[in-house]
Amino acid sequence: MIQHIDDAKCVGCGVCVQKCPLDAIRLNEAGKAFIAYPDDCMTCYVCERLCPAGAIFVHPFKEKLPPVFPGPQYEAVEGNDLRDKEAYHA
């Protein structure tokens, strides 16, 4: 997610606006880049890498990520060997 665009460093070139694949960045009335749609940012780093002034900082984990839960647990079924084609197609 885009975390910060430094107004003091931004030169208003518009490269970030042109190259953002989801149009999350716009130029304000003063010609400076701003984060118009922060929720649309997919953290691709294109804006940060292409900004000639180094005014954009992208942080991949700005918000706390939800916990990861394991998927459903399955028990092995005895007697079913899927490698045995005859038993599988019987």
PDB file of N, CA and C in Angstrom:
ATOM      1  N   MET A   1       0.845  -1.171   0.000  1.00  0.00           N
ATOM      2  CA  MET A   1       0.000   0.000   0.000  1.00  0.00           C
ATOM      3  C   MET A   1       0.894   1.238   0.000  1.00  0.00           C
ATOM      4  N   ILE A   2       0.499   2.258  -0.763  1.00  0.00           N
ATOM      5  CA  ILE A   2       1.252   3.504  -0.775  1.00  0.00           C
ATOM      6  C   ILE A   2       1.143   4.123   0.608  1.00  0.00           C
ATOM      7  N   GLN A   3       2.270   4.378   1.219  1.00  0.00           N
ATOM      8  CA  GLN A   3       2.234   4.942   2.558  1.00  0.00           C
ATOM      9  C   GLN A   3       2.442   6.445   2.554  1.00  0.00           C
ATOM     10  N   HIS A   4       3.298   6.934   1.652  1.00  0.00           N
ATOM     11  CA  HIS A   4       3.632   8.346   1.744  1.00  0.00           C
ATOM     12  C   HIS A   4       4.119   8.881   0.405  1.00  0.00           C
ATOM     13  N   ILE A   5       3.652  10.075   0.043  1.00  0.00           N
ATOM     14  CA  ILE A   5       4.210  10.833  -1.070  1.00  0.00           C
ATOM     15  C   ILE A   5       4.693  12.146  -0.479  1.00  0.00           C
ATOM     16  N   ASP A   6       5.984  12.405  -0.574  1.00  0.00           N
ATOM     17  CA  ASP A   6       6.604  13.590   0.010  1.00  0.00           C
ATOM     18  C   ASP A   6       6.395  14.791  -0.908  1.00  0.00           C
ATOM     19  N   ASP A   7       5.553  15.740  -0.477  1.00  0.00           N
ATOM     20  CA  ASP A   7       5.280  16.945  -1.273  1.00  0.00           C
ATOM     21  C   ASP A   7       6.544  17.752  -1.551  1.00  0.00           C
ATOM     22  N   ALA A   8       7.445  17.774  -0.596  1.00  0.00           N
ATOM     23  CA  ALA A   8       8.674  18.551  -0.763  1.00  0.00           C
ATOM     24  C   ALA A   8       9.564  17.977  -1.866  1.00  0.00           C
ATOM     25  N   LYS A   9       9.523  16.667  -2.050  1.00  0.00           N
ATOM     26  CA  LYS A   9      10.341  16.022  -3.079  1.00  0.00           C
ATOM     27  C   LYS A   9       9.628  15.923  -4.425  1.00  0.00           C
ATOM     28  N   CYS A  10       8.293  15.841  -4.409  1.00  0.00           N
ATOM     29  CA  CYS A  10       7.524  15.654  -5.643  1.00  0.00           C
ATOM     30  C   CYS A  10       7.729  16.837  -6.589  1.00  0.00           C
ATOM     31  N   VAL A  11       8.096  16.530  -7.831  1.00  0.00           N
ATOM     32  CA  VAL A  11       8.307  17.569  -8.837  1.00  0.00           C
ATOM     33  C   VAL A  11       7.105  17.713  -9.765  1.00  0.00           C
ATOM     34  N   GLY A  12       6.074  16.895  -9.553  1.00  0.00           N
ATOM     35  CA  GLY A  12       4.853  16.999 -10.342  1.00  0.00           C
ATOM     36  C   GLY A  12       4.988  16.526 -11.772  1.00  0.00           C
ATOM     37  N   CYS A  13       5.889  15.612 -12.029  1.00  0.00           N
ATOM     38  CA  CYS A  13       6.113  15.126 -13.396  1.00  0.00           C
ATOM     39  C   CYS A  13       4.957  14.274 -13.914  1.00  0.00           C
ATOM     40  N   GLY A  14       4.226  13.619 -13.006  1.00  0.00           N
ATOM     41  CA  GLY A  14       3.082  12.807 -13.395  1.00  0.00           C
ATOM     42  C   GLY A  14       3.408  11.391 -13.826  1.00  0.00           C
ATOM     43  N   VAL A  15       4.657  10.975 -13.712  1.00  0.00           N
ATOM     44  CA  VAL A  15       5.034   9.613 -14.095  1.00  0.00           C
ATOM     45  C   VAL A  15       4.243   8.600 -13.277  1.00  0.00           C
ATOM     46  N   CYS A  16       4.119   8.836 -11.979  1.00  0.00           N
ATOM     47  CA  CYS A  16       3.392   7.903 -11.112  1.00  0.00           C
ATOM     48  C   CYS A  16       1.925   7.800 -11.514  1.00  0.00           C
ATOM     49  N   VAL A  17       1.342   8.919 -11.909  1.00  0.00           N
ATOM     50  CA  VAL A  17      -0.062   8.929 -12.331  1.00  0.00           C
ATOM     51  C   VAL A  17      -0.229   8.128 -13.616  1.00  0.00           C
ATOM     52  N   GLN A  18       0.685   8.323 -14.547  1.00  0.00           N
ATOM     53  CA  GLN A  18       0.616   7.632 -15.837  1.00  0.00           C
ATOM     54  C   GLN A  18       0.873   6.135 -15.719  1.00  0.00           C
ATOM     55  N   LYS A  19       1.770   5.743 -14.839  1.00  0.00           N
ATOM     56  CA  LYS A  19       2.199   4.347 -14.771  1.00  0.00           C
ATOM     57  C   LYS A  19       1.452   3.488 -13.763  1.00  0.00           C
ATOM     58  N   CYS A  20       0.697   4.088 -12.849  1.00  0.00           N
ATOM     59  CA  CYS A  20      -0.044   3.291 -11.865  1.00  0.00           C
ATOM     60  C   CYS A  20      -1.084   2.439 -12.589  1.00  0.00           C
ATOM     61  N   PRO A  21      -1.003   1.108 -12.481  1.00  0.00           N
ATOM     62  CA  PRO A  21      -1.936   0.254 -13.216  1.00  0.00           C
ATOM     63  C   PRO A  21      -3.381   0.352 -12.732  1.00  0.00           C
ATOM     64  N   LEU A  22      -3.609   0.869 -11.532  1.00  0.00           N
ATOM     65  CA  LEU A  22      -4.972   0.963 -11.003  1.00  0.00           C
ATOM     66  C   LEU A  22      -5.430   2.399 -10.778  1.00  0.00           C
ATOM     67  N   ASP A  23      -4.687   3.367 -11.295  1.00  0.00           N
ATOM     68  CA  ASP A  23      -5.050   4.790 -11.187  1.00  0.00           C
ATOM     69  C   ASP A  23      -5.302   5.232  -9.754  1.00  0.00           C
ATOM     70  N   ALA A  24      -4.463   4.799  -8.832  1.00  0.00           N
ATOM     71  CA  ALA A  24      -4.622   5.158  -7.422  1.00  0.00           C
ATOM     72  C   ALA A  24      -4.033   6.524  -7.097  1.00  0.00           C
ATOM     73  N   ILE A  25      -3.208   7.066  -7.993  1.00  0.00           N
ATOM     74  CA  ILE A  25      -2.520   8.335  -7.747  1.00  0.00           C
ATOM     75  C   ILE A  25      -3.035   9.392  -8.720  1.00  0.00           C
ATOM     76  N   ARG A  26      -3.176  10.600  -8.230  1.00  0.00           N
ATOM     77  CA  ARG A  26      -3.609  11.743  -9.043  1.00  0.00           C
ATOM     78  C   ARG A  26      -2.711  12.933  -8.724  1.00  0.00           C
ATOM     79  N   LEU A  27      -2.813  13.982  -9.531  1.00  0.00           N
ATOM     80  CA  LEU A  27      -2.138  15.244  -9.241  1.00  0.00           C
ATOM     81  C   LEU A  27      -3.160  16.212  -8.666  1.00  0.00           C
ATOM     82  N   ASN A  28      -2.776  16.938  -7.609  1.00  0.00           N
ATOM     83  CA  ASN A  28      -3.687  17.923  -7.014  1.00  0.00           C
ATOM     84  C   ASN A  28      -3.599  19.250  -7.771  1.00  0.00           C
ATOM     85  N   GLU A  29      -4.299  20.262  -7.270  1.00  0.00           N
ATOM     86  CA  GLU A  29      -4.341  21.567  -7.934  1.00  0.00           C
ATOM     87  C   GLU A  29      -2.961  22.211  -8.026  1.00  0.00           C
ATOM     88  N   ALA A  30      -2.100  21.889  -7.074  1.00  0.00           N
ATOM     89  CA  ALA A  30      -0.742  22.444  -7.062  1.00  0.00           C
ATOM     90  C   ALA A  30       0.210  21.656  -7.961  1.00  0.00           C
ATOM     91  N   GLY A  31      -0.303  20.603  -8.603  1.00  0.00           N
ATOM     92  CA  GLY A  31       0.521  19.794  -9.488  1.00  0.00           C
ATOM     93  C   GLY A  31       1.365  18.758  -8.778  1.00  0.00           C
ATOM     94  N   LYS A  32       1.027  18.459  -7.537  1.00  0.00           N
ATOM     95  CA  LYS A  32       1.759  17.459  -6.756  1.00  0.00           C
ATOM     96  C   LYS A  32       0.958  16.156  -6.707  1.00  0.00           C
ATOM     97  N   ALA A  33       1.660  15.044  -6.696  1.00  0.00           N
ATOM     98  CA  ALA A  33       1.001  13.736  -6.629  1.00  0.00           C
ATOM     99  C   ALA A  33       0.405  13.521  -5.248  1.00  0.00           C
ATOM    100  N   PHE A  34      -0.758  12.875  -5.222  1.00  0.00           N
ATOM    101  CA  PHE A  34      -1.365  12.482  -3.953  1.00  0.00           C
ATOM    102  C   PHE A  34      -2.063  11.143  -4.134  1.00  0.00           C
ATOM    103  N   ILE A  35      -2.287  10.461  -3.022  1.00  0.00           N
ATOM    104  CA  ILE A  35      -2.909   9.143  -3.042  1.00  0.00           C
ATOM    105  C   ILE A  35      -4.421   9.336  -3.069  1.00  0.00           C
ATOM    106  N   ALA A  36      -5.015   9.238  -4.241  1.00  0.00           N
ATOM    107  CA  ALA A  36      -6.451   9.466  -4.383  1.00  0.00           C
ATOM    108  C   ALA A  36      -7.263   8.256  -3.942  1.00  0.00           C
ATOM    109  N   TYR A  37      -6.769   7.075  -4.218  1.00  0.00           N
ATOM    110  CA  TYR A  37      -7.499   5.844  -3.903  1.00  0.00           C
ATOM    111  C   TYR A  37      -6.558   4.836  -3.237  1.00  0.00           C
ATOM    112  N   PRO A  38      -6.237   5.040  -1.954  1.00  0.00           N
ATOM    113  CA  PRO A  38      -5.267   4.158  -1.291  1.00  0.00           C
ATOM    114  C   PRO A  38      -5.693   2.693  -1.229  1.00  0.00           C
ATOM    115  N   ASP A  39      -6.985   2.430  -1.156  1.00  0.00           N
ATOM    116  CA  ASP A  39      -7.447   1.039  -1.090  1.00  0.00           C
ATOM    117  C   ASP A  39      -7.271   0.303  -2.413  1.00  0.00           C
ATOM    118  N   ASP A  40      -7.104   1.045  -3.502  1.00  0.00           N
ATOM    119  CA  ASP A  40      -6.916   0.418  -4.807  1.00  0.00           C
ATOM    120  C   ASP A  40      -5.467   0.007  -5.064  1.00  0.00           C
ATOM    121  N   CYS A  41      -4.551   0.524  -4.260  1.00  0.00           N
ATOM    122  CA  CYS A  41      -3.128   0.206  -4.448  1.00  0.00           C
ATOM    123  C   CYS A  41      -2.902  -1.292  -4.262  1.00  0.00           C
ATOM    124  N   MET A  42      -2.205  -1.914  -5.233  1.00  0.00           N
ATOM    125  CA  MET A  42      -1.930  -3.348  -5.138  1.00  0.00           C
ATOM    126  C   MET A  42      -0.475  -3.624  -4.753  1.00  0.00           C
ATOM    127  N   THR A  43       0.221  -2.587  -4.287  1.00  0.00           N
ATOM    128  CA  THR A  43       1.593  -2.704  -3.796  1.00  0.00           C
ATOM    129  C   THR A  43       2.514  -3.311  -4.858  1.00  0.00           C
ATOM    130  N   CYS A  44       2.448  -2.769  -6.068  1.00  0.00           N
ATOM    131  CA  CYS A  44       3.291  -3.273  -7.158  1.00  0.00           C
ATOM    132  C   CYS A  44       4.640  -2.556  -7.227  1.00  0.00           C
ATOM    133  N   TYR A  45       4.783  -1.451  -6.502  1.00  0.00           N
ATOM    134  CA  TYR A  45       6.025  -0.673  -6.420  1.00  0.00           C
ATOM    135  C   TYR A  45       6.378   0.069  -7.703  1.00  0.00           C
ATOM    136  N   VAL A  46       5.514   0.087  -8.700  1.00  0.00           N
ATOM    137  CA  VAL A  46       5.819   0.775  -9.953  1.00  0.00           C
ATOM    138  C   VAL A  46       6.050   2.259  -9.698  1.00  0.00           C
ATOM    139  N   CYS A  47       5.172   2.890  -8.934  1.00  0.00           N
ATOM    140  CA  CYS A  47       5.310   4.325  -8.679  1.00  0.00           C
ATOM    141  C   CYS A  47       6.600   4.638  -7.928  1.00  0.00           C
ATOM    142  N   GLU A  48       6.907   3.836  -6.926  1.00  0.00           N
ATOM    143  CA  GLU A  48       8.116   4.064  -6.130  1.00  0.00           C
ATOM    144  C   GLU A  48       9.373   3.902  -6.978  1.00  0.00           C
ATOM    145  N   ARG A  49       9.402   2.887  -7.814  1.00  0.00           N
ATOM    146  CA  ARG A  49      10.584   2.624  -8.638  1.00  0.00           C
ATOM    147  C   ARG A  49      10.768   3.660  -9.736  1.00  0.00           C
ATOM    148  N   LEU A  50       9.656   4.176 -10.287  1.00  0.00           N
ATOM    149  CA  LEU A  50       9.757   5.092 -11.415  1.00  0.00           C
ATOM    150  C   LEU A  50       9.801   6.563 -11.027  1.00  0.00           C
ATOM    151  N   CYS A  51       9.518   6.897  -9.787  1.00  0.00           N
ATOM    152  CA  CYS A  51       9.526   8.301  -9.365  1.00  0.00           C
ATOM    153  C   CYS A  51      10.948   8.856  -9.466  1.00  0.00           C
ATOM    154  N   PRO A  52      11.179   9.826 -10.369  1.00  0.00           N
ATOM    155  CA  PRO A  52      12.538  10.343 -10.537  1.00  0.00           C
ATOM    156  C   PRO A  52      13.032  11.142  -9.331  1.00  0.00           C
ATOM    157  N   ALA A  53      12.107  11.638  -8.517  1.00  0.00           N
ATOM    158  CA  ALA A  53      12.484  12.450  -7.353  1.00  0.00           C
ATOM    159  C   ALA A  53      12.596  11.627  -6.073  1.00  0.00           C
ATOM    160  N   GLY A  54      12.199  10.364  -6.115  1.00  0.00           N
ATOM    161  CA  GLY A  54      12.224   9.531  -4.911  1.00  0.00           C
ATOM    162  C   GLY A  54      11.234   9.997  -3.863  1.00  0.00           C
ATOM    163  N   ALA A  55      10.100  10.512  -4.319  1.00  0.00           N
ATOM    164  CA  ALA A  55       9.115  11.093  -3.404  1.00  0.00           C
ATOM    165  C   ALA A  55       8.092  10.093  -2.877  1.00  0.00           C
ATOM    166  N   ILE A  56       8.065   8.888  -3.426  1.00  0.00           N
ATOM    167  CA  ILE A  56       7.027   7.920  -3.055  1.00  0.00           C
ATOM    168  C   ILE A  56       7.636   6.773  -2.262  1.00  0.00           C
ATOM    169  N   PHE A  57       6.966   6.433  -1.159  1.00  0.00           N
ATOM    170  CA  PHE A  57       7.380   5.297  -0.339  1.00  0.00           C
ATOM    171  C   PHE A  57       6.211   4.328  -0.247  1.00  0.00           C
ATOM    172  N   VAL A  58       6.422   3.109  -0.687  1.00  0.00           N
ATOM    173  CA  VAL A  58       5.401   2.065  -0.630  1.00  0.00           C
ATOM    174  C   VAL A  58       5.777   1.111   0.493  1.00  0.00           C
ATOM    175  N   HIS A  59       4.818   0.831   1.358  1.00  0.00           N
ATOM    176  CA  HIS A  59       5.066  -0.097   2.464  1.00  0.00           C
ATOM    177  C   HIS A  59       4.112  -1.271   2.295  1.00  0.00           C
ATOM    178  N   PRO A  60       4.630  -2.491   2.129  1.00  0.00           N
ATOM    179  CA  PRO A  60       3.754  -3.624   1.849  1.00  0.00           C
ATOM    180  C   PRO A  60       2.842  -4.024   2.996  1.00  0.00           C
ATOM    181  N   PHE A  61       3.196  -3.685   4.229  1.00  0.00           N
ATOM    182  CA  PHE A  61       2.396  -4.116   5.370  1.00  0.00           C
ATOM    183  C   PHE A  61       2.017  -2.934   6.244  1.00  0.00           C
ATOM    184  N   LYS A  62       1.413  -1.924   5.638  1.00  0.00           N
ATOM    185  CA  LYS A  62       1.012  -0.744   6.405  1.00  0.00           C
ATOM    186  C   LYS A  62      -0.002  -1.117   7.473  1.00  0.00           C
ATOM    187  N   GLU A  63      -0.916  -1.991   7.121  1.00  0.00           N
ATOM    188  CA  GLU A  63      -1.938  -2.421   8.068  1.00  0.00           C
ATOM    189  C   GLU A  63      -1.606  -3.829   8.547  1.00  0.00           C
ATOM    190  N   LYS A  64      -2.054  -4.145   9.729  1.00  0.00           N
ATOM    191  CA  LYS A  64      -1.815  -5.481  10.272  1.00  0.00           C
ATOM    192  C   LYS A  64      -2.559  -6.513   9.432  1.00  0.00           C
ATOM    193  N   LEU A  65      -1.861  -7.542   9.044  1.00  0.00           N
ATOM    194  CA  LEU A  65      -2.470  -8.594   8.235  1.00  0.00           C
ATOM    195  C   LEU A  65      -3.316  -9.510   9.109  1.00  0.00           C
ATOM    196  N   PRO A  66      -4.406 -10.036   8.552  1.00  0.00           N
ATOM    197  CA  PRO A  66      -5.217 -10.968   9.335  1.00  0.00           C
ATOM    198  C   PRO A  66      -4.446 -12.255   9.583  1.00  0.00           C
ATOM    199  N   PRO A  67      -4.760 -12.951  10.651  1.00  0.00           N
ATOM    200  CA  PRO A  67      -4.056 -14.209  10.921  1.00  0.00           C
ATOM    201  C   PRO A  67      -4.358 -15.244   9.846  1.00  0.00           C
ATOM    202  N   VAL A  68      -3.414 -16.111   9.625  1.00  0.00           N
ATOM    203  CA  VAL A  68      -3.581 -17.174   8.637  1.00  0.00           C
ATOM    204  C   VAL A  68      -4.063 -18.421   9.365  1.00  0.00           C
ATOM    205  N   PHE A  69      -5.173 -18.953   8.900  1.00  0.00           N
ATOM    206  CA  PHE A  69      -5.735 -20.155   9.501  1.00  0.00           C
ATOM    207  C   PHE A  69      -5.498 -21.332   8.565  1.00  0.00           C
ATOM    208  N   PRO A  70      -5.173 -22.488   9.112  1.00  0.00           N
ATOM    209  CA  PRO A  70      -4.985 -23.649   8.242  1.00  0.00           C
ATOM    210  C   PRO A  70      -6.315 -24.048   7.608  1.00  0.00           C
ATOM    211  N   GLY A  71      -6.227 -24.635   6.454  1.00  0.00           N
ATOM    212  CA  GLY A  71      -7.430 -25.102   5.774  1.00  0.00           C
ATOM    213  C   GLY A  71      -8.036 -26.289   6.495  1.00  0.00           C
ATOM    214  N   PRO A  72      -9.091 -26.842   5.928  1.00  0.00           N
ATOM    215  CA  PRO A  72      -9.735 -27.990   6.574  1.00  0.00           C
ATOM    216  C   PRO A  72      -8.764 -29.157   6.700  1.00  0.00           C
ATOM    217  N   GLN A  73      -8.894 -29.885   7.768  1.00  0.00           N
ATOM    218  CA  GLN A  73      -8.019 -31.025   8.016  1.00  0.00           C
ATOM    219  C   GLN A  73      -8.728 -32.304   7.566  1.00  0.00           C
ATOM    220  N   TYR A  74      -8.028 -33.119   6.812  1.00  0.00           N
ATOM    221  CA  TYR A  74      -8.588 -34.369   6.317  1.00  0.00           C
ATOM    222  C   TYR A  74      -7.776 -35.535   6.859  1.00  0.00           C
ATOM    223  N   GLU A  75      -8.467 -36.620   7.144  1.00  0.00           N
ATOM    224  CA  GLU A  75      -7.783 -37.830   7.590  1.00  0.00           C
ATOM    225  C   GLU A  75      -7.610 -38.764   6.404  1.00  0.00           C
ATOM    226  N   ALA A  76      -6.499 -39.481   6.401  1.00  0.00           N
ATOM    227  CA  ALA A  76      -6.247 -40.450   5.343  1.00  0.00           C
ATOM    228  C   ALA A  76      -7.234 -41.604   5.466  1.00  0.00           C
ATOM    229  N   VAL A  77      -7.685 -42.086   4.314  1.00  0.00           N
ATOM    230  CA  VAL A  77      -8.600 -43.224   4.291  1.00  0.00           C
ATOM    231  C   VAL A  77      -7.787 -44.461   3.946  1.00  0.00           C
ATOM    232  N   GLU A  78      -7.779 -45.427   4.825  1.00  0.00           N
ATOM    233  CA  GLU A  78      -6.993 -46.636   4.597  1.00  0.00           C
ATOM    234  C   GLU A  78      -7.644 -47.499   3.527  1.00  0.00           C
ATOM    235  N   GLY A  79      -6.803 -48.188   2.763  1.00  0.00           N
ATOM    236  CA  GLY A  79      -7.302 -49.129   1.771  1.00  0.00           C
ATOM    237  C   GLY A  79      -7.540 -48.505   0.411  1.00  0.00           C
ATOM    238  N   ASN A  80      -7.420 -47.228   0.268  1.00  0.00           N
ATOM    239  CA  ASN A  80      -7.599 -46.572  -1.028  1.00  0.00           C
ATOM    240  C   ASN A  80      -6.253 -46.040  -1.500  1.00  0.00           C
ATOM    241  N   ASP A  81      -5.573 -46.845  -2.284  1.00  0.00           N
ATOM    242  CA  ASP A  81      -4.287 -46.432  -2.832  1.00  0.00           C
ATOM    243  C   ASP A  81      -4.537 -45.981  -4.262  1.00  0.00           C
ATOM    244  N   LEU A  82      -4.518 -44.687  -4.499  1.00  0.00           N
ATOM    245  CA  LEU A  82      -4.832 -44.160  -5.825  1.00  0.00           C
ATOM    246  C   LEU A  82      -3.756 -44.486  -6.852  1.00  0.00           C
ATOM    247  N   ARG A  83      -2.629 -44.985  -6.401  1.00  0.00           N
ATOM    248  CA  ARG A  83      -1.582 -45.386  -7.337  1.00  0.00           C
ATOM    249  C   ARG A  83      -1.921 -46.725  -7.983  1.00  0.00           C
ATOM    250  N   ASP A  84      -2.840 -47.488  -7.393  1.00  0.00           N
ATOM    251  CA  ASP A  84      -3.258 -48.784  -7.923  1.00  0.00           C
ATOM    252  C   ASP A  84      -4.427 -48.532  -8.877  1.00  0.00           C
ATOM    253  N   LYS A  85      -4.147 -48.513 -10.196  1.00  0.00           N
ATOM    254  CA  LYS A  85      -5.162 -48.145 -11.179  1.00  0.00           C
ATOM    255  C   LYS A  85      -6.356 -49.093 -11.176  1.00  0.00           C
ATOM    256  N   GLU A  86      -6.119 -50.411 -11.008  1.00  0.00           N
ATOM    257  CA  GLU A  86      -7.232 -51.354 -11.015  1.00  0.00           C
ATOM    258  C   GLU A  86      -8.178 -51.080  -9.847  1.00  0.00           C
ATOM    259  N   ALA A  87      -7.627 -50.853  -8.684  1.00  0.00           N
ATOM    260  CA  ALA A  87      -8.470 -50.591  -7.516  1.00  0.00           C
ATOM    261  C   ALA A  87      -9.188 -49.253  -7.673  1.00  0.00           C
ATOM    262  N   TYR A  88      -8.548 -48.296  -8.307  1.00  0.00           N
ATOM    263  CA  TYR A  88      -9.132 -46.963  -8.459  1.00  0.00           C
ATOM    264  C   TYR A  88     -10.299 -46.976  -9.439  1.00  0.00           C
ATOM    265  N   HIS A  89     -10.172 -47.741 -10.523  1.00  0.00           N
ATOM    266  CA  HIS A  89     -11.209 -47.750 -11.552  1.00  0.00           C
ATOM    267  C   HIS A  89     -12.220 -48.877 -11.371  1.00  0.00           C
ATOM    268  N   ALA A  90     -12.167 -49.593 -10.293  1.00  0.00           N
ATOM    269  CA  ALA A  90     -13.089 -50.710 -10.082  1.00  0.00           C
ATOM    270  C   ALA A  90     -14.472 -50.228  -9.703  1.00  0.00           C
TER     271      ALA A  90
END
